[in-house]
Each structure stands twice: as structure tokens, then as C-alpha cells.
């Protein structure tokens, strides 16, 4: 069964779920972002935001958490390739963290656009 097209896709989904669980279990930054995501989702229900606002909010949450996962992967690869301090490895890690920063700023702007008018 696992050698069929659908079987391979299901197996791939299993790996993806395992990776998401590993991130949530082991990475403090993802844990904090998950708590924020739960809080902002609760706020969405409380303020009864529109479908368009839900789409933006879900997109922002997914974007930040996805980029954070990629940042973690880049850091782990860099640490594996070169465990000691190296300027290039530091640069790679900083650039990956910068990508998370851009996504987080966009998410905060989206949250402000949605929630400031509600107050």
C-alpha cells in the first residue's frame, strides 16, 4: 500500500505531522508563537471577525510558524555542518532569523489592522 502514489503522499503527511510535533515539543520560539496563535484565534472568536479577516489572520499565523520552522531547520543544518563559531554560519543564522522577523512584523501589522478598530 505504501508504494502507491496515495500511499507515498500519506506517508509524507506522516513525516510532516511528526516534524510539526517535534517543532512544538522542542522549540521554545514555536511554543511561544503557538500560544500567541491560540490567543489571537480566541480574540477572533471574541470579536467576531469577518471571513476576510480570518483568512488574513490564519495566513499570518501560518506564515510566521512556517518561516520559524525553516529558520530552525537552517540553524540545525548550520550547527551540524559547522558546530564551532564561524562568520559565514553566523551570517546564515542571522539571515534566517531576519526572515522570521519580517514575517512577524507583517503578522503584527495584520493584527493591528484587524483589532485596533475593534477597540
PDB file of N, CA and C in Angstrom:
ATOM      1  N   UNK A   1       0.809  -1.208   0.000  1.00  0.00           N
ATOM      2  CA  UNK A   1       0.000   0.000   0.000  1.00  0.00           C
ATOM      3  C   UNK A   1       0.848   1.267   0.000  1.00  0.00           C
ATOM      4  N   UNK A   2       1.980   1.272   0.736  1.00  0.00           N
ATOM      5  CA  UNK A   2       2.788   2.483   0.861  1.00  0.00           C
ATOM      6  C   UNK A   2       3.571   2.791  -0.418  1.00  0.00           C
ATOM      7  N   UNK A   3       3.580   1.869  -1.387  1.00  0.00           N
ATOM      8  CA  UNK A   3       4.292   2.110  -2.640  1.00  0.00           C
ATOM      9  C   UNK A   3       3.417   2.754  -3.701  1.00  0.00           C
ATOM     10  N   UNK A   4       2.141   2.939  -3.418  1.00  0.00           N
ATOM     11  CA  UNK A   4       1.265   3.609  -4.370  1.00  0.00           C
ATOM     12  C   UNK A   4       1.443   5.111  -4.243  1.00  0.00           C
ATOM     13  N   UNK A   5       0.942   5.839  -5.230  1.00  0.00           N
ATOM     14  CA  UNK A   5       1.033   7.302  -5.179  1.00  0.00           C
ATOM     15  C   UNK A   5       0.379   7.837  -3.916  1.00  0.00           C
ATOM     16  N   UNK A   6      -0.855   7.405  -3.651  1.00  0.00           N
ATOM     17  CA  UNK A   6      -1.575   7.871  -2.467  1.00  0.00           C
ATOM     18  C   UNK A   6      -0.870   7.431  -1.188  1.00  0.00           C
ATOM     19  N   UNK A   7      -0.354   6.235  -1.172  1.00  0.00           N
ATOM     20  CA  UNK A   7       0.368   5.736  -0.009  1.00  0.00           C
ATOM     21  C   UNK A   7       1.590   6.583   0.315  1.00  0.00           C
ATOM     22  N   UNK A   8       2.339   6.944  -0.727  1.00  0.00           N
ATOM     23  CA  UNK A   8       3.524   7.792  -0.519  1.00  0.00           C
ATOM     24  C   UNK A   8       3.128   9.174  -0.014  1.00  0.00           C
ATOM     25  N   UNK A   9       2.011   9.707  -0.510  1.00  0.00           N
ATOM     26  CA  UNK A   9       1.540  11.016  -0.034  1.00  0.00           C
ATOM     27  C   UNK A   9       1.141  10.942   1.445  1.00  0.00           C
ATOM     28  N   UNK A  10       0.445   9.866   1.799  1.00  0.00           N
ATOM     29  CA  UNK A  10       0.047   9.689   3.197  1.00  0.00           C
ATOM     30  C   UNK A  10       1.272   9.534   4.102  1.00  0.00           C
ATOM     31  N   UNK A  11       2.257   8.792   3.621  1.00  0.00           N
ATOM     32  CA  UNK A  11       3.493   8.628   4.381  1.00  0.00           C
ATOM     33  C   UNK A  11       4.187   9.981   4.553  1.00  0.00           C
ATOM     34  N   UNK A  12       4.189  10.791   3.487  1.00  0.00           N
ATOM     35  CA  UNK A  12       4.772  12.136   3.560  1.00  0.00           C
ATOM     36  C   UNK A  12       4.042  13.007   4.558  1.00  0.00           C
ATOM     37  N   UNK A  13       2.716  12.887   4.599  1.00  0.00           N
ATOM     38  CA  UNK A  13       1.934  13.641   5.588  1.00  0.00           C
ATOM     39  C   UNK A  13       2.320  13.217   6.995  1.00  0.00           C
ATOM     40  N   UNK A  14       2.578  11.944   7.166  1.00  0.00           N
ATOM     41  CA  UNK A  14       3.011  11.453   8.482  1.00  0.00           C
ATOM     42  C   UNK A  14       4.318  12.094   8.912  1.00  0.00           C
ATOM     43  N   UNK A  15       5.263  12.202   7.976  1.00  0.00           N
ATOM     44  CA  UNK A  15       6.536  12.863   8.289  1.00  0.00           C
ATOM     45  C   UNK A  15       6.317  14.340   8.629  1.00  0.00           C
ATOM     46  N   UNK A  16       5.416  14.990   7.897  1.00  0.00           N
ATOM     47  CA  UNK A  16       5.143  16.401   8.145  1.00  0.00           C
ATOM     48  C   UNK A  16       4.526  16.602   9.525  1.00  0.00           C
ATOM     49  N   UNK A  17       3.597  15.747   9.885  1.00  0.00           N
ATOM     50  CA  UNK A  17       2.974  15.841  11.216  1.00  0.00           C
ATOM     51  C   UNK A  17       4.013  15.580  12.296  1.00  0.00           C
ATOM     52  N   UNK A  18       4.883  14.604  12.063  1.00  0.00           N
ATOM     53  CA  UNK A  18       5.956  14.306  13.017  1.00  0.00           C
ATOM     54  C   UNK A  18       6.866  15.531  13.176  1.00  0.00           C
ATOM     55  N   UNK A  19       7.218  16.176  12.069  1.00  0.00           N
ATOM     56  CA  UNK A  19       8.073  17.359  12.130  1.00  0.00           C
ATOM     57  C   UNK A  19       7.409  18.513  12.855  1.00  0.00           C
ATOM     58  N   UNK A  20       6.115  18.722  12.603  1.00  0.00           N
ATOM     59  CA  UNK A  20       5.388  19.791  13.295  1.00  0.00           C
ATOM     60  C   UNK A  20       5.356  19.508  14.793  1.00  0.00           C
ATOM     61  N   UNK A  21       5.103  18.247  15.151  1.00  0.00           N
ATOM     62  CA  UNK A  21       5.084  17.872  16.564  1.00  0.00           C
ATOM     63  C   UNK A  21       6.461  18.082  17.209  1.00  0.00           C
ATOM     64  N   UNK A  22       7.533  17.716  16.486  1.00  0.00           N
ATOM     65  CA  UNK A  22       8.886  17.906  17.015  1.00  0.00           C
ATOM     66  C   UNK A  22       9.174  19.384  17.246  1.00  0.00           C
ATOM     67  N   UNK A  23       8.733  20.235  16.308  1.00  0.00           N
ATOM     68  CA  UNK A  23       8.912  21.680  16.496  1.00  0.00           C
ATOM     69  C   UNK A  23       8.184  22.156  17.744  1.00  0.00           C
ATOM     70  N   UNK A  24       6.906  21.771  17.864  1.00  0.00           N
ATOM     71  CA  UNK A  24       6.110  22.221  19.016  1.00  0.00           C
ATOM     72  C   UNK A  24       6.674  21.683  20.338  1.00  0.00           C
ATOM     73  N   UNK A  25       7.202  20.484  20.304  1.00  0.00           N
ATOM     74  CA  UNK A  25       7.708  19.858  21.518  1.00  0.00           C
ATOM     75  C   UNK A  25       9.059  20.419  21.955  1.00  0.00           C
ATOM     76  N   UNK A  26       9.920  20.755  20.977  1.00  0.00           N
ATOM     77  CA  UNK A  26      11.316  21.052  21.297  1.00  0.00           C
ATOM     78  C   UNK A  26      11.756  22.501  21.118  1.00  0.00           C
ATOM     79  N   UNK A  27      10.994  23.309  20.418  1.00  0.00           N
ATOM     80  CA  UNK A  27      11.465  24.655  20.084  1.00  0.00           C
ATOM     81  C   UNK A  27      10.696  25.731  20.850  1.00  0.00           C
ATOM     82  N   UNK A  28      11.359  26.409  21.791  1.00  0.00           N
ATOM     83  CA  UNK A  28      10.668  27.432  22.585  1.00  0.00           C
ATOM     84  C   UNK A  28      10.043  28.555  21.745  1.00  0.00           C
ATOM     85  N   UNK A  29      10.688  28.944  20.671  1.00  0.00           N
ATOM     86  CA  UNK A  29      10.135  30.035  19.855  1.00  0.00           C
ATOM     87  C   UNK A  29       8.815  29.625  19.211  1.00  0.00           C
ATOM     88  N   UNK A  30       8.717  28.383  18.742  1.00  0.00           N
ATOM     89  CA  UNK A  30       7.459  27.886  18.165  1.00  0.00           C
ATOM     90  C   UNK A  30       6.412  27.747  19.265  1.00  0.00           C
ATOM     91  N   UNK A  31       6.819  27.340  20.452  1.00  0.00           N
ATOM     92  CA  UNK A  31       5.873  27.205  21.564  1.00  0.00           C
ATOM     93  C   UNK A  31       5.251  28.556  21.906  1.00  0.00           C
ATOM     94  N   UNK A  32       6.073  29.594  21.948  1.00  0.00           N
ATOM     95  CA  UNK A  32       5.564  30.939  22.227  1.00  0.00           C
ATOM     96  C   UNK A  32       4.628  31.375  21.104  1.00  0.00           C
ATOM     97  N   UNK A  33       5.022  31.142  19.878  1.00  0.00           N
ATOM     98  CA  UNK A  33       4.183  31.526  18.742  1.00  0.00           C
ATOM     99  C   UNK A  33       2.873  30.747  18.729  1.00  0.00           C
ATOM    100  N   UNK A  34       2.890  29.500  19.161  1.00  0.00           N
ATOM    101  CA  UNK A  34       1.659  28.710  19.226  1.00  0.00           C
ATOM    102  C   UNK A  34       0.708  29.284  20.283  1.00  0.00           C
ATOM    103  N   UNK A  35       1.254  29.711  21.414  1.00  0.00           N
ATOM    104  CA  UNK A  35       0.426  30.343  22.451  1.00  0.00           C
ATOM    105  C   UNK A  35      -0.173  31.643  21.922  1.00  0.00           C
ATOM    106  N   UNK A  36       0.641  32.440  21.239  1.00  0.00           N
ATOM    107  CA  UNK A  36       0.138  33.684  20.643  1.00  0.00           C
ATOM    108  C   UNK A  36      -0.948  33.365  19.613  1.00  0.00           C
ATOM    109  N   UNK A  37      -0.724  32.340  18.797  1.00  0.00           N
ATOM    110  CA  UNK A  37      -1.708  31.948  17.778  1.00  0.00           C
ATOM    111  C   UNK A  37      -3.031  31.546  18.427  1.00  0.00           C
ATOM    112  N   UNK A  38      -2.966  30.796  19.522  1.00  0.00           N
ATOM    113  CA  UNK A  38      -4.186  30.406  20.232  1.00  0.00           C
ATOM    114  C   UNK A  38      -4.887  31.643  20.788  1.00  0.00           C
ATOM    115  N   UNK A  39      -4.113  32.549  21.359  1.00  0.00           N
ATOM    116  CA  UNK A  39      -4.697  33.776  21.913  1.00  0.00           C
ATOM    117  C   UNK A  39      -5.355  34.639  20.854  1.00  0.00           C
ATOM    118  N   UNK A  40      -4.693  34.805  19.737  1.00  0.00           N
ATOM    119  CA  UNK A  40      -5.240  35.655  18.672  1.00  0.00           C
ATOM    120  C   UNK A  40      -6.438  34.979  18.006  1.00  0.00           C
ATOM    121  N   UNK A  41      -6.437  33.649  17.980  1.00  0.00           N
ATOM    122  CA  UNK A  41      -7.601  32.921  17.464  1.00  0.00           C
ATOM    123  C   UNK A  41      -8.792  33.108  18.401  1.00  0.00           C
ATOM    124  N   UNK A  42      -8.540  33.033  19.697  1.00  0.00           N
ATOM    125  CA  UNK A  42      -9.615  33.290  20.665  1.00  0.00           C
ATOM    126  C   UNK A  42     -10.146  34.719  20.503  1.00  0.00           C
ATOM    127  N   UNK A  43      -9.252  35.669  20.267  1.00  0.00           N
ATOM    128  CA  UNK A  43      -9.675  37.053  20.043  1.00  0.00           C
ATOM    129  C   UNK A  43     -10.542  37.151  18.792  1.00  0.00           C
ATOM    130  N   UNK A  44     -10.209  36.391  17.771  1.00  0.00           N
ATOM    131  CA  UNK A  44     -11.014  36.378  16.553  1.00  0.00           C
ATOM    132  C   UNK A  44     -12.440  35.938  16.822  1.00  0.00           C
ATOM    133  N   UNK A  45     -12.594  34.909  17.648  1.00  0.00           N
ATOM    134  CA  UNK A  45     -13.944  34.465  18.014  1.00  0.00           C
ATOM    135  C   UNK A  45     -14.646  35.503  18.885  1.00  0.00           C
ATOM    136  N   UNK A  46     -13.910  36.074  19.834  1.00  0.00           N
ATOM    137  CA  UNK A  46     -14.500  37.064  20.741  1.00  0.00           C
ATOM    138  C   UNK A  46     -15.009  38.289  19.984  1.00  0.00           C
ATOM    139  N   UNK A  47     -14.199  38.783  19.053  1.00  0.00           N
ATOM    140  CA  UNK A  47     -14.562  39.989  18.301  1.00  0.00           C
ATOM    141  C   UNK A  47     -15.362  39.682  17.036  1.00  0.00           C
ATOM    142  N   UNK A  48     -15.622  38.407  16.791  1.00  0.00           N
ATOM    143  CA  UNK A  48     -16.427  38.003  15.641  1.00  0.00           C
ATOM    144  C   UNK A  48     -15.906  38.629  14.338  1.00  0.00           C
ATOM    145  N   UNK A  49     -14.640  38.362  14.061  1.00  0.00           N
ATOM    146  CA  UNK A  49     -14.031  38.972  12.876  1.00  0.00           C
ATOM    147  C   UNK A  49     -14.636  38.379  11.602  1.00  0.00           C
ATOM    148  N   UNK A  50     -14.493  39.124  10.521  1.00  0.00           N
ATOM    149  CA  UNK A  50     -15.098  38.737   9.236  1.00  0.00           C
ATOM    150  C   UNK A  50     -14.320  37.579   8.601  1.00  0.00           C
ATOM    151  N   UNK A  51     -14.934  36.927   7.614  1.00  0.00           N
ATOM    152  CA  UNK A  51     -14.205  35.856   6.904  1.00  0.00           C
ATOM    153  C   UNK A  51     -12.887  36.346   6.286  1.00  0.00           C
ATOM    154  N   UNK A  52     -12.880  37.531   5.730  1.00  0.00           N
ATOM    155  CA  UNK A  52     -11.640  38.062   5.144  1.00  0.00           C
ATOM    156  C   UNK A  52     -10.583  38.271   6.231  1.00  0.00           C
ATOM    157  N   UNK A  53     -11.007  38.761   7.392  1.00  0.00           N
ATOM    158  CA  UNK A  53     -10.066  38.949   8.497  1.00  0.00           C
ATOM    159  C   UNK A  53      -9.545  37.596   8.997  1.00  0.00           C
ATOM    160  N   UNK A  54     -10.418  36.587   9.030  1.00  0.00           N
ATOM    161  CA  UNK A  54      -9.968  35.241   9.398  1.00  0.00           C
ATOM    162  C   UNK A  54      -8.910  34.749   8.427  1.00  0.00           C
ATOM    163  N   UNK A  55      -9.138  34.964   7.143  1.00  0.00           N
ATOM    164  CA  UNK A  55      -8.157  34.496   6.147  1.00  0.00           C
ATOM    165  C   UNK A  55      -6.807  35.156   6.360  1.00  0.00           C
ATOM    166  N   UNK A  56      -6.817  36.475   6.579  1.00  0.00           N
ATOM    167  CA  UNK A  56      -5.556  37.182   6.815  1.00  0.00           C
ATOM    168  C   UNK A  56      -4.878  36.694   8.096  1.00  0.00           C
ATOM    169  N   UNK A  57      -5.684  36.512   9.126  1.00  0.00           N
ATOM    170  CA  UNK A  57      -5.123  36.074  10.401  1.00  0.00           C
ATOM    171  C   UNK A  57      -4.530  34.676  10.299  1.00  0.00           C
ATOM    172  N   UNK A  58      -5.245  33.756   9.690  1.00  0.00           N
ATOM    173  CA  UNK A  58      -4.744  32.386   9.539  1.00  0.00           C
ATOM    174  C   UNK A  58      -3.493  32.369   8.663  1.00  0.00           C
ATOM    175  N   UNK A  59      -3.498  33.185   7.609  1.00  0.00           N
ATOM    176  CA  UNK A  59      -2.320  33.282   6.751  1.00  0.00           C
ATOM    177  C   UNK A  59      -1.118  33.790   7.548  1.00  0.00           C
ATOM    178  N   UNK A  60      -1.334  34.829   8.353  1.00  0.00           N
ATOM    179  CA  UNK A  60      -0.236  35.400   9.135  1.00  0.00           C
ATOM    180  C   UNK A  60       0.311  34.390  10.137  1.00  0.00           C
ATOM    181  N   UNK A  61      -0.584  33.673  10.820  1.00  0.00           N
ATOM    182  CA  UNK A  61      -0.141  32.658  11.786  1.00  0.00           C
ATOM    183  C   UNK A  61       0.654  31.564  11.066  1.00  0.00           C
ATOM    184  N   UNK A  62       0.118  31.073   9.966  1.00  0.00           N
ATOM    185  CA  UNK A  62       0.808  30.026   9.210  1.00  0.00           C
ATOM    186  C   UNK A  62       2.154  30.489   8.677  1.00  0.00           C
ATOM    187  N   UNK A  63       2.201  31.731   8.202  1.00  0.00           N
ATOM    188  CA  UNK A  63       3.448  32.276   7.666  1.00  0.00           C
ATOM    189  C   UNK A  63       4.527  32.339   8.740  1.00  0.00           C
ATOM    190  N   UNK A  64       4.193  32.910   9.884  1.00  0.00           N
ATOM    191  CA  UNK A  64       5.192  33.061  10.946  1.00  0.00           C
ATOM    192  C   UNK A  64       5.682  31.696  11.419  1.00  0.00           C
ATOM    193  N   UNK A  65       4.751  30.780  11.657  1.00  0.00           N
ATOM    194  CA  UNK A  65       5.165  29.474  12.170  1.00  0.00           C
ATOM    195  C   UNK A  65       5.945  28.679  11.123  1.00  0.00           C
ATOM    196  N   UNK A  66       5.572  28.814   9.851  1.00  0.00           N
ATOM    197  CA  UNK A  66       6.309  28.127   8.783  1.00  0.00           C
ATOM    198  C   UNK A  66       7.719  28.663   8.644  1.00  0.00           C
ATOM    199  N   UNK A  67       7.854  29.970   8.622  1.00  0.00           N
ATOM    200  CA  UNK A  67       9.190  30.566   8.487  1.00  0.00           C
ATOM    201  C   UNK A  67      10.039  30.235   9.711  1.00  0.00           C
ATOM    202  N   UNK A  68       9.423  30.207  10.882  1.00  0.00           N
ATOM    203  CA  UNK A  68      10.165  29.822  12.087  1.00  0.00           C
ATOM    204  C   UNK A  68      10.654  28.377  11.974  1.00  0.00           C
ATOM    205  N   UNK A  69       9.841  27.497  11.421  1.00  0.00           N
ATOM    206  CA  UNK A  69      10.274  26.119  11.205  1.00  0.00           C
ATOM    207  C   UNK A  69      11.447  26.042  10.244  1.00  0.00           C
ATOM    208  N   UNK A  70      11.387  26.810   9.169  1.00  0.00           N
ATOM    209  CA  UNK A  70      12.511  26.840   8.223  1.00  0.00           C
ATOM    210  C   UNK A  70      13.762  27.425   8.874  1.00  0.00           C
ATOM    211  N   UNK A  71      13.586  28.444   9.717  1.00  0.00           N
ATOM    212  CA  UNK A  71      14.708  29.029  10.442  1.00  0.00           C
ATOM    213  C   UNK A  71      15.356  27.979  11.343  1.00  0.00           C
ATOM    214  N   UNK A  72      14.533  27.225  12.047  1.00  0.00           N
ATOM    215  CA  UNK A  72      15.058  26.175  12.922  1.00  0.00           C
ATOM    216  C   UNK A  72      15.821  25.138  12.109  1.00  0.00           C
ATOM    217  N   UNK A  73      15.258  24.748  10.964  1.00  0.00           N
ATOM    218  CA  UNK A  73      15.939  23.767  10.110  1.00  0.00           C
ATOM    219  C   UNK A  73      17.282  24.312   9.621  1.00  0.00           C
ATOM    220  N   UNK A  74      17.312  25.566   9.200  1.00  0.00           N
ATOM    221  CA  UNK A  74      18.569  26.169   8.725  1.00  0.00           C
ATOM    222  C   UNK A  74      19.601  26.208   9.849  1.00  0.00           C
ATOM    223  N   UNK A  75      19.171  26.565  11.053  1.00  0.00           N
ATOM    224  CA  UNK A  75      20.094  26.607  12.187  1.00  0.00           C
ATOM    225  C   UNK A  75      20.637  25.211  12.521  1.00  0.00           C
ATOM    226  N   UNK A  76      19.760  24.217  12.490  1.00  0.00           N
ATOM    227  CA  UNK A  76      20.200  22.853  12.786  1.00  0.00           C
ATOM    228  C   UNK A  76      21.198  22.348  11.752  1.00  0.00           C
ATOM    229  N   UNK A  77      20.931  22.638  10.481  1.00  0.00           N
ATOM    230  CA  UNK A  77      21.873  22.236   9.426  1.00  0.00           C
ATOM    231  C   UNK A  77      23.203  22.948   9.616  1.00  0.00           C
ATOM    232  N   UNK A  78      23.157  24.255   9.885  1.00  0.00           N
ATOM    233  CA  UNK A  78      24.386  25.022  10.076  1.00  0.00           C
ATOM    234  C   UNK A  78      25.185  24.486  11.264  1.00  0.00           C
ATOM    235  N   UNK A  79      24.504  24.172  12.366  1.00  0.00           N
ATOM    236  CA  UNK A  79      25.202  23.629  13.537  1.00  0.00           C
ATOM    237  C   UNK A  79      25.799  22.254  13.246  1.00  0.00           C
ATOM    238  N   UNK A  80      25.112  21.470  12.424  1.00  0.00           N
ATOM    239  CA  UNK A  80      25.616  20.140  12.070  1.00  0.00           C
ATOM    240  C   UNK A  80      26.852  20.246  11.179  1.00  0.00           C
ATOM    241  N   UNK A  81      26.797  21.145  10.202  1.00  0.00           N
ATOM    242  CA  UNK A  81      27.903  21.295   9.251  1.00  0.00           C
ATOM    243  C   UNK A  81      29.121  21.905   9.927  1.00  0.00           C
ATOM    244  N   UNK A  82      28.872  22.900  10.803  1.00  0.00           N
ATOM    245  CA  UNK A  82      29.994  23.597  11.430  1.00  0.00           C
ATOM    246  C   UNK A  82      29.622  23.933  12.870  1.00  0.00           C
ATOM    247  N   UNK A  83      29.870  23.007  13.810  1.00  0.00           N
ATOM    248  CA  UNK A  83      29.434  23.202  15.197  1.00  0.00           C
ATOM    249  C   UNK A  83      30.109  24.375  15.906  1.00  0.00           C
ATOM    250  N   UNK A  84      31.324  24.720  15.496  1.00  0.00           N
ATOM    251  CA  UNK A  84      32.028  25.841  16.122  1.00  0.00           C
ATOM    252  C   UNK A  84      31.602  27.152  15.475  1.00  0.00           C
ATOM    253  N   UNK A  85      31.906  28.251  16.162  1.00  0.00           N
ATOM    254  CA  UNK A  85      31.560  29.555  15.609  1.00  0.00           C
ATOM    255  C   UNK A  85      32.305  29.787  14.294  1.00  0.00           C
ATOM    256  N   UNK A  86      31.556  30.313  13.336  1.00  0.00           N
ATOM    257  CA  UNK A  86      32.136  30.685  12.049  1.00  0.00           C
ATOM    258  C   UNK A  86      31.333  31.862  11.515  1.00  0.00           C
ATOM    259  N   UNK A  87      32.030  32.845  10.941  1.00  0.00           N
ATOM    260  CA  UNK A  87      31.348  34.052  10.457  1.00  0.00           C
ATOM    261  C   UNK A  87      30.254  33.738   9.445  1.00  0.00           C
ATOM    262  N   UNK A  88      30.513  32.850   8.510  1.00  0.00           N
ATOM    263  CA  UNK A  88      29.511  32.512   7.476  1.00  0.00           C
ATOM    264  C   UNK A  88      28.293  31.820   8.091  1.00  0.00           C
ATOM    265  N   UNK A  89      28.530  30.915   9.044  1.00  0.00           N
ATOM    266  CA  UNK A  89      27.419  30.241   9.722  1.00  0.00           C
ATOM    267  C   UNK A  89      26.602  31.268  10.495  1.00  0.00           C
ATOM    268  N   UNK A  90      27.279  32.187  11.161  1.00  0.00           N
ATOM    269  CA  UNK A  90      26.573  33.254  11.873  1.00  0.00           C
ATOM    270  C   UNK A  90      25.733  34.096  10.934  1.00  0.00           C
ATOM    271  N   UNK A  91      26.273  34.390   9.766  1.00  0.00           N
ATOM    272  CA  UNK A  91      25.532  35.158   8.757  1.00  0.00           C
ATOM    273  C   UNK A  91      24.273  34.405   8.312  1.00  0.00           C
ATOM    274  N   UNK A  92      24.439  33.112   8.035  1.00  0.00           N
ATOM    275  CA  UNK A  92      23.301  32.289   7.604  1.00  0.00           C
ATOM    276  C   UNK A  92      22.208  32.285   8.676  1.00  0.00           C
ATOM    277  N   UNK A  93      22.594  32.112   9.924  1.00  0.00           N
ATOM    278  CA  UNK A  93      21.620  32.094  11.011  1.00  0.00           C
ATOM    279  C   UNK A  93      20.932  33.458  11.162  1.00  0.00           C
ATOM    280  N   UNK A  94      21.699  34.519  11.043  1.00  0.00           N
ATOM    281  CA  UNK A  94      21.116  35.864  11.163  1.00  0.00           C
ATOM    282  C   UNK A  94      20.125  36.150  10.043  1.00  0.00           C
ATOM    283  N   UNK A  95      20.466  35.746   8.827  1.00  0.00           N
ATOM    284  CA  UNK A  95      19.558  35.961   7.693  1.00  0.00           C
ATOM    285  C   UNK A  95      18.269  35.157   7.884  1.00  0.00           C
ATOM    286  N   UNK A  96      18.393  33.913   8.341  1.00  0.00           N
ATOM    287  CA  UNK A  96      17.203  33.099   8.596  1.00  0.00           C
ATOM    288  C   UNK A  96      16.344  33.727   9.686  1.00  0.00           C
ATOM    289  N   UNK A  97      16.964  34.236  10.735  1.00  0.00           N
ATOM    290  CA  UNK A  97      16.213  34.909  11.796  1.00  0.00           C
ATOM    291  C   UNK A  97      15.572  36.196  11.271  1.00  0.00           C
ATOM    292  N   UNK A  98      16.252  36.862  10.369  1.00  0.00           N
ATOM    293  CA  UNK A  98      15.688  38.067   9.760  1.00  0.00           C
ATOM    294  C   UNK A  98      14.421  37.764   8.974  1.00  0.00           C
ATOM    295  N   UNK A  99      14.375  36.616   8.324  1.00  0.00           N
ATOM    296  CA  UNK A  99      13.172  36.216   7.595  1.00  0.00           C
ATOM    297  C   UNK A  99      12.002  36.033   8.557  1.00  0.00           C
ATOM    298  N   UNK A 100      12.267  35.451   9.718  1.00  0.00           N
ATOM    299  CA  UNK A 100      11.221  35.302  10.734  1.00  0.00           C
ATOM    300  C   UNK A 100      10.761  36.682  11.195  1.00  0.00           C
ATOM    301  N   UNK A 101      11.696  37.588  11.376  1.00  0.00           N
ATOM    302  CA  UNK A 101      11.367  38.948  11.807  1.00  0.00           C
ATOM    303  C   UNK A 101      10.422  39.623  10.816  1.00  0.00           C
ATOM    304  N   UNK A 102      10.716  39.509   9.523  1.00  0.00           N
ATOM    305  CA  UNK A 102       9.835  40.104   8.512  1.00  0.00           C
ATOM    306  C   UNK A 102       8.423  39.527   8.604  1.00  0.00           C
ATOM    307  N   UNK A 103       8.329  38.205   8.742  1.00  0.00           N
ATOM    308  CA  UNK A 103       7.022  37.555   8.840  1.00  0.00           C
ATOM    309  C   UNK A 103       6.294  38.004  10.108  1.00  0.00           C
ATOM    310  N   UNK A 104       7.016  38.109  11.209  1.00  0.00           N
ATOM    311  CA  UNK A 104       6.400  38.522  12.476  1.00  0.00           C
ATOM    312  C   UNK A 104       5.907  39.964  12.409  1.00  0.00           C
ATOM    313  N   UNK A 105       6.680  40.842  11.801  1.00  0.00           N
ATOM    314  CA  UNK A 105       6.248  42.235  11.656  1.00  0.00           C
ATOM    315  C   UNK A 105       4.983  42.305  10.802  1.00  0.00           C
ATOM    316  N   UNK A 106       4.958  41.548   9.715  1.00  0.00           N
ATOM    317  CA  UNK A 106       3.757  41.515   8.867  1.00  0.00           C
ATOM    318  C   UNK A 106       2.560  41.009   9.668  1.00  0.00           C
ATOM    319  N   UNK A 107       2.758  39.995  10.497  1.00  0.00           N
ATOM    320  CA  UNK A 107       1.669  39.451  11.312  1.00  0.00           C
ATOM    321  C   UNK A 107       1.170  40.479  12.322  1.00  0.00           C
ATOM    322  N   UNK A 108       2.074  41.223  12.925  1.00  0.00           N
ATOM    323  CA  UNK A 108       1.671  42.260  13.883  1.00  0.00           C
ATOM    324  C   UNK A 108       0.886  43.360  13.174  1.00  0.00           C
ATOM    325  N   UNK A 109       1.322  43.750  11.988  1.00  0.00           N
ATOM    326  CA  UNK A 109       0.597  44.774  11.217  1.00  0.00           C
ATOM    327  C   UNK A 109      -0.812  44.273  10.885  1.00  0.00           C
ATOM    328  N   UNK A 110      -0.922  43.017  10.448  1.00  0.00           N
ATOM    329  CA  UNK A 110      -2.237  42.438  10.149  1.00  0.00           C
ATOM    330  C   UNK A 110      -3.104  42.437  11.400  1.00  0.00           C
ATOM    331  N   UNK A 111      -2.536  42.036  12.536  1.00  0.00           N
ATOM    332  CA  UNK A 111      -3.293  42.023  13.787  1.00  0.00           C
ATOM    333  C   UNK A 111      -3.764  43.429  14.162  1.00  0.00           C
ATOM    334  N   UNK A 112      -2.909  44.408  13.967  1.00  0.00           N
ATOM    335  CA  UNK A 112      -3.298  45.799  14.265  1.00  0.00           C
ATOM    336  C   UNK A 112      -4.430  46.265  13.351  1.00  0.00           C
ATOM    337  N   UNK A 113      -4.335  45.939  12.087  1.00  0.00           N
ATOM    338  CA  UNK A 113      -5.385  46.329  11.133  1.00  0.00           C
ATOM    339  C   UNK A 113      -6.721  45.692  11.517  1.00  0.00           C
ATOM    340  N   UNK A 114      -6.674  44.442  11.968  1.00  0.00           N
ATOM    341  CA  UNK A 114      -7.907  43.743  12.336  1.00  0.00           C
ATOM    342  C   UNK A 114      -8.455  44.232  13.670  1.00  0.00           C
ATOM    343  N   UNK A 115      -7.597  44.366  14.687  1.00  0.00           N
ATOM    344  CA  UNK A 115      -8.085  44.529  16.053  1.00  0.00           C
ATOM    345  C   UNK A 115      -8.148  45.971  16.560  1.00  0.00           C
ATOM    346  N   UNK A 116      -7.315  46.863  16.080  1.00  0.00           N
ATOM    347  CA  UNK A 116      -7.384  48.245  16.588  1.00  0.00           C
ATOM    348  C   UNK A 116      -8.763  48.838  16.369  1.00  0.00           C
ATOM    349  N   UNK A 117      -9.393  48.678  15.215  1.00  0.00           N
ATOM    350  CA  UNK A 117     -10.754  49.244  15.042  1.00  0.00           C
ATOM    351  C   UNK A 117     -11.798  48.627  15.996  1.00  0.00           C
ATOM    352  N   UNK A 118     -11.520  47.459  16.531  1.00  0.00           N
ATOM    353  CA  UNK A 118     -12.480  46.808  17.432  1.00  0.00           C
ATOM    354  C   UNK A 118     -12.493  47.458  18.807  1.00  0.00           C
ATOM    355  N   UNK A 119     -11.469  48.248  19.123  1.00  0.00           N
ATOM    356  CA  UNK A 119     -11.418  48.885  20.435  1.00  0.00           C
ATOM    357  C   UNK A 119     -11.983  50.247  20.350  1.00  0.00           C
TER     358      UNK A 119
END
